[in-house]
Amino acid sequence: MPADRRAIESLLAFWAEAGVDAALGDVPHDRMAAGLAALKPKPPAPARPTATISRPAAFVVEGLDPAAIEAARLAAAAAMDLGALAAAIAAFEGCDLKRQGARQAVFARGAADAAVLVIGEGPGADEDAQGQPFVGRAGKLLDRMLAAAGLTDRVFITNTVFWRPPGNRTPTAAEQAACAPFLERAIALVKPRMLLLAGGAAAKHVLKTSDGILSLHGRWFEWRSEDGTLELPALPTLHPAFLLRQPAAKKKAWDDLLKLTERLDRPARPT
């Protein structure tokens, strides 16, 4: 009997004694070789193409007048105090709103060293008549809310534009851009600790976003000036005119004010 046959018979007898009486397959497999093959390092998988991440489009303003904006920058930079800034705004000819029926420029009211600078949309009929921002029904509601939050003497109030838009329409992005250097100069002169953005038009302009106020309000953002020298926390909230139309939303605005006062009065961390 050949040696290999005797070895096979001996192996079969061994497995029979061990209780193995059936084969799992008709074809023999080298399990050791398969195991060793599985342990070999595999070549790296081909690189998958990187998915394109959709990002919001840049904040684009149509109808800009570069000459008018440059004139506003020069005039704003030359104003060394708030009185001079108010005069520079009144003399400015680069915003079309000035020639669309407005009686006068409406700049600001409040404390010149305010901790909070409130920015609204633009003057309405009452503001156009009296020459101060937020003096109509919406302004009176704003004052009551600020008083309830303990902010009456801690705010400086202004708008993104300084002339009343016809029919109290929302100012255009180009109109806001023409006035922006004056707004930034006001922030630089007042030196507030934070900004409160009243309404969607103000929040979108200041934060350079297209998101709606209902998604922005109550969330903190970082505002940075065009030249990068100023950076402040900014909190959007609902415009008081909206609250007059939707009284149920007052709680949301009140919660925003509480969030602002909590941060404003938070003890400074020891250095």
Protein backbone atom coordinates (compact mmCIF):
# COMPACT_ATOMS: atom_id res chain seq x y z
CA MET A 1 0.00 0.00 0.00
CA PRO A 2 1.51 3.35 -0.94
CA ALA A 3 2.65 5.48 1.99
CA ASP A 4 0.27 8.34 1.16
CA ARG A 5 -2.70 5.92 1.15
CA ARG A 6 -1.73 4.54 4.56
CA ALA A 7 -1.47 8.10 5.90
CA ILE A 8 -4.93 8.93 4.60
CA GLU A 9 -6.45 5.81 6.19
CA SER A 10 -4.74 6.63 9.48
CA LEU A 11 -6.11 10.18 9.38
CA LEU A 12 -9.63 8.94 8.63
CA ALA A 13 -9.46 6.48 11.52
CA PHE A 14 -8.36 9.31 13.83
CA TRP A 15 -11.33 11.50 12.90
CA ALA A 16 -13.71 8.55 13.17
CA GLU A 17 -12.54 7.85 16.71
CA ALA A 18 -13.02 11.54 17.48
CA GLY A 19 -16.68 11.24 16.45
CA VAL A 20 -16.53 12.85 13.02
CA ASP A 21 -18.73 10.84 10.69
CA ALA A 22 -19.64 13.34 7.96
CA ALA A 23 -17.76 15.70 5.64
CA LEU A 24 -18.81 19.33 5.24
CA GLY A 25 -17.87 19.50 1.58
CA ASP A 26 -16.93 17.33 -1.34
CA VAL A 27 -13.91 19.44 -2.24
CA PRO A 28 -11.05 19.84 0.22
CA HIS A 29 -10.07 23.37 1.27
CA ASP A 30 -6.78 24.54 2.74
CA ARG A 31 -8.16 26.54 5.69
CA MET A 32 -4.70 27.54 6.87
CA ALA A 33 -3.84 29.07 3.53
CA ALA A 34 -7.14 30.96 3.45
CA GLY A 35 -6.54 32.29 6.96
CA LEU A 36 -3.03 33.46 6.09
CA ALA A 37 -4.35 35.20 2.98
CA ALA A 38 -6.91 37.05 5.06
CA LEU A 39 -4.15 38.37 7.33
CA LYS A 40 -2.18 39.90 4.48
CA PRO A 41 -2.46 43.74 4.32
CA LYS A 42 -4.98 44.84 1.75
CA PRO A 43 -4.17 47.53 -0.81
CA PRO A 44 -5.76 50.89 0.04
CA ALA A 45 -9.16 51.49 -1.46
CA PRO A 46 -9.24 54.01 -4.30
CA ALA A 47 -9.92 57.52 -3.10
CA ARG A 48 -13.56 58.52 -3.33
CA PRO A 49 -14.31 61.87 -4.89
CA THR A 50 -14.84 64.60 -2.27
CA ALA A 51 -18.43 65.73 -2.05
CA THR A 52 -19.05 69.36 -2.86
CA ILE A 53 -20.25 71.23 0.21
CA SER A 54 -22.99 73.69 -0.54
CA ARG A 55 -22.22 77.05 1.04
CA PRO A 56 -24.44 80.13 1.14
CA ALA A 57 -23.76 82.60 -1.63
CA ALA A 58 -21.82 85.73 -0.75
CA PHE A 59 -23.87 88.64 0.50
CA VAL A 60 -24.38 90.59 -2.73
CA VAL A 61 -25.78 94.12 -2.82
CA GLU A 62 -27.21 95.31 -6.12
CA GLY A 63 -27.30 98.95 -7.18
CA LEU A 64 -24.32 100.10 -5.13
CA ASP A 65 -22.82 103.51 -5.86
CA PRO A 66 -19.12 103.18 -4.99
CA ALA A 67 -18.60 106.94 -5.15
CA ALA A 68 -21.40 107.55 -2.66
CA ILE A 69 -20.05 104.92 -0.28
CA GLU A 70 -16.56 106.39 -0.46
CA ALA A 71 -17.97 109.85 0.24
CA ALA A 72 -19.82 108.44 3.25
CA ARG A 73 -16.62 106.82 4.53
CA LEU A 74 -14.70 110.07 4.29
CA ALA A 75 -17.46 112.10 5.92
CA ALA A 76 -17.93 109.57 8.72
CA ALA A 77 -14.22 109.29 9.43
CA ALA A 78 -13.96 113.06 9.76
CA ALA A 79 -16.63 113.17 12.50
CA MET A 80 -14.87 113.24 15.86
CA ASP A 81 -18.02 113.16 18.00
CA LEU A 82 -21.69 112.30 17.71
CA GLY A 83 -22.73 115.89 17.05
CA ALA A 84 -20.35 116.12 14.12
CA LEU A 85 -21.57 112.75 12.88
CA ALA A 86 -25.21 113.91 12.97
CA ALA A 87 -24.22 117.00 10.95
CA ALA A 88 -22.32 114.86 8.44
CA ILE A 89 -25.35 112.63 7.96
CA ALA A 90 -27.66 115.61 7.44
CA ALA A 91 -25.31 117.00 4.79
CA PHE A 92 -24.80 113.68 2.99
CA GLU A 93 -26.25 113.48 -0.53
CA GLY A 94 -25.31 109.91 -1.40
CA CYS A 95 -28.47 108.12 -0.19
CA ASP A 96 -31.42 108.29 -2.58
CA LEU A 97 -33.88 108.26 0.32
CA LYS A 98 -33.00 111.87 1.05
CA ARG A 99 -34.66 112.88 -2.23
CA GLN A 100 -37.76 110.69 -1.91
CA GLY A 101 -39.92 112.81 0.34
CA ALA A 102 -38.16 112.65 3.70
CA ARG A 103 -38.43 115.84 5.76
CA GLN A 104 -35.11 115.51 7.56
CA ALA A 105 -32.32 113.17 8.58
CA VAL A 106 -33.10 111.04 11.64
CA PHE A 107 -29.91 109.93 13.38
CA ALA A 108 -30.12 108.75 16.98
CA ARG A 109 -31.15 109.20 20.58
CA GLY A 110 -29.92 107.82 23.88
CA ALA A 111 -26.78 107.71 26.00
CA ALA A 112 -23.58 108.68 24.22
CA ASP A 113 -21.66 106.12 26.30
CA ALA A 114 -24.31 103.39 26.14
CA ALA A 115 -23.49 99.79 26.88
CA VAL A 116 -25.99 98.61 24.24
CA LEU A 117 -26.42 100.09 20.77
CA VAL A 118 -29.87 99.34 19.35
CA ILE A 119 -30.13 99.28 15.56
CA GLY A 120 -33.53 99.38 13.88
CA GLU A 121 -34.62 99.43 10.27
CA GLY A 122 -35.35 103.07 9.39
CA PRO A 123 -37.46 106.09 10.35
CA GLY A 124 -41.23 106.05 10.00
CA ALA A 125 -43.68 108.94 9.74
CA ASP A 126 -43.43 109.95 13.41
CA GLU A 127 -39.65 109.75 13.35
CA ASP A 128 -39.51 111.78 10.15
CA ALA A 129 -41.64 114.47 11.79
CA GLN A 130 -39.78 114.58 15.12
CA GLY A 131 -36.22 113.92 13.94
CA GLN A 132 -35.56 111.05 16.37
CA PRO A 133 -35.70 107.26 15.91
CA PHE A 134 -38.31 105.04 17.55
CA VAL A 135 -40.72 107.70 18.79
CA GLY A 136 -43.98 106.33 17.34
CA ARG A 137 -46.09 103.46 18.68
CA ALA A 138 -43.34 100.94 18.03
CA GLY A 139 -40.81 103.19 19.72
CA LYS A 140 -42.98 103.59 22.79
CA LEU A 141 -43.28 99.82 23.06
CA LEU A 142 -39.51 99.51 22.70
CA ASP A 143 -39.01 102.06 25.49
CA ARG A 144 -41.36 100.15 27.80
CA MET A 145 -39.53 96.90 27.13
CA LEU A 146 -36.13 98.50 27.66
CA ALA A 147 -37.35 100.06 30.91
CA ALA A 148 -38.69 96.73 32.16
CA ALA A 149 -35.29 95.18 31.42
CA GLY A 150 -33.47 97.97 33.26
CA LEU A 151 -31.88 99.35 30.10
CA THR A 152 -33.45 102.82 29.82
CA ASP A 153 -30.25 104.79 30.40
CA ARG A 154 -27.95 102.16 28.92
CA VAL A 155 -28.92 102.28 25.26
CA PHE A 156 -28.13 104.34 22.17
CA ILE A 157 -30.78 103.93 19.46
CA THR A 158 -30.31 104.41 15.73
CA ASN A 159 -31.22 102.80 12.38
CA THR A 160 -29.63 101.30 9.30
CA VAL A 161 -30.83 104.29 7.22
CA PHE A 162 -31.39 107.89 8.30
CA TRP A 163 -34.23 109.02 6.03
CA ARG A 164 -37.75 107.71 5.91
CA PRO A 165 -38.34 105.30 3.01
CA PRO A 166 -41.46 106.24 1.00
CA GLY A 167 -44.57 104.61 2.43
CA ASN A 168 -42.49 103.16 5.27
CA ARG A 169 -41.23 100.44 2.95
CA THR A 170 -38.21 98.34 3.90
CA PRO A 171 -34.97 100.09 2.88
CA THR A 172 -33.04 98.46 0.08
CA ALA A 173 -29.63 96.89 0.64
CA ALA A 174 -28.06 99.64 -1.49
CA GLU A 175 -29.67 102.34 0.66
CA GLN A 176 -28.40 100.63 3.79
CA ALA A 177 -24.93 100.27 2.30
CA ALA A 178 -24.80 104.00 1.53
CA CYS A 179 -25.50 104.75 5.21
CA ALA A 180 -23.34 101.95 6.64
CA PRO A 181 -20.15 104.02 7.16
CA PHE A 182 -22.11 106.42 9.38
CA LEU A 183 -23.56 103.53 11.38
CA GLU A 184 -20.12 102.03 11.88
CA ARG A 185 -18.76 105.42 12.96
CA ALA A 186 -21.57 105.72 15.50
CA ILE A 187 -20.59 102.34 16.93
CA ALA A 188 -16.94 103.43 17.09
CA LEU A 189 -17.81 106.68 18.90
CA VAL A 190 -20.29 105.20 21.39
CA LYS A 191 -18.11 102.15 22.10
CA PRO A 192 -20.98 99.86 23.23
CA ARG A 193 -20.37 96.43 24.67
CA MET A 194 -22.95 94.77 22.43
CA LEU A 195 -25.47 95.37 19.65
CA LEU A 196 -29.23 94.72 19.72
CA LEU A 197 -30.61 94.33 16.19
CA ALA A 198 -34.31 95.13 16.05
CA GLY A 199 -36.03 93.39 13.16
CA GLY A 200 -35.12 91.44 10.07
CA ALA A 201 -33.95 94.37 7.92
CA ALA A 202 -31.44 95.45 10.56
CA ALA A 203 -30.26 91.93 11.37
CA LYS A 204 -29.78 90.94 7.73
CA HIS A 205 -27.85 94.12 6.95
CA VAL A 206 -25.59 94.14 10.01
CA LEU A 207 -24.88 90.40 9.96
CA LYS A 208 -24.69 90.13 6.15
CA THR A 209 -27.14 87.24 6.00
CA SER A 210 -30.32 86.35 4.16
CA ASP A 211 -31.78 84.37 7.07
CA GLY A 212 -35.13 85.51 8.44
CA ILE A 213 -35.55 87.16 11.82
CA LEU A 214 -37.56 84.25 13.24
CA SER A 215 -34.52 82.01 12.82
CA LEU A 216 -31.99 84.68 13.87
CA HIS A 217 -33.61 86.14 16.97
CA GLY A 218 -32.28 85.10 20.35
CA ARG A 219 -28.97 83.84 18.91
CA TRP A 220 -25.64 85.55 19.53
CA PHE A 221 -23.49 86.53 16.56
CA GLU A 222 -20.17 88.30 16.24
CA TRP A 223 -20.30 91.56 14.30
CA ARG A 224 -17.09 92.90 12.78
CA SER A 225 -16.56 96.30 11.21
CA GLU A 226 -15.56 96.59 7.57
CA ASP A 227 -11.97 97.46 8.47
CA GLY A 228 -11.78 94.67 11.04
CA THR A 229 -10.88 96.96 13.95
CA LEU A 230 -14.17 96.51 15.84
CA GLU A 231 -15.82 93.28 16.92
CA LEU A 232 -18.90 93.04 19.13
CA PRO A 233 -21.50 90.45 20.13
CA ALA A 234 -24.79 91.10 18.35
CA LEU A 235 -28.23 89.79 19.29
CA PRO A 236 -31.11 89.98 16.80
CA THR A 237 -34.62 90.38 18.17
CA LEU A 238 -38.11 90.99 16.86
CA HIS A 239 -38.98 94.53 15.80
CA PRO A 240 -41.50 96.24 18.11
CA ALA A 241 -43.68 97.08 15.09
CA PHE A 242 -43.99 93.33 14.48
CA LEU A 243 -44.91 92.83 18.13
CA LEU A 244 -47.75 95.34 17.77
CA ARG A 245 -49.14 93.21 14.96
CA GLN A 246 -48.37 89.89 16.67
CA PRO A 247 -48.75 90.40 20.45
CA ALA A 248 -48.22 86.69 21.09
CA ALA A 249 -44.59 87.12 19.96
CA LYS A 250 -43.80 89.55 22.79
CA LYS A 251 -42.61 86.70 24.98
CA LYS A 252 -39.95 85.81 22.42
CA ALA A 253 -38.70 89.39 22.34
CA TRP A 254 -38.76 89.58 26.13
CA ASP A 255 -36.71 86.39 26.34
CA ASP A 256 -34.21 88.00 23.95
CA LEU A 257 -33.91 91.05 26.21
CA LEU A 258 -33.37 88.86 29.25
CA LYS A 259 -30.64 87.03 27.39
CA LEU A 260 -29.00 90.36 26.56
CA THR A 261 -29.18 91.75 30.11
CA GLU A 262 -27.86 88.50 31.55
CA ARG A 263 -24.77 88.74 29.36
CA LEU A 264 -24.44 92.48 29.90
CA ASP A 265 -24.48 92.15 33.69
CA ARG A 266 -22.51 88.95 33.88
CA PRO A 267 -19.56 89.40 36.28
CA ALA A 268 -16.29 89.83 34.45
CA ARG A 269 -13.91 86.91 34.72
CA PRO A 270 -10.82 87.63 36.83
CA THR A 271 -7.74 88.21 34.72
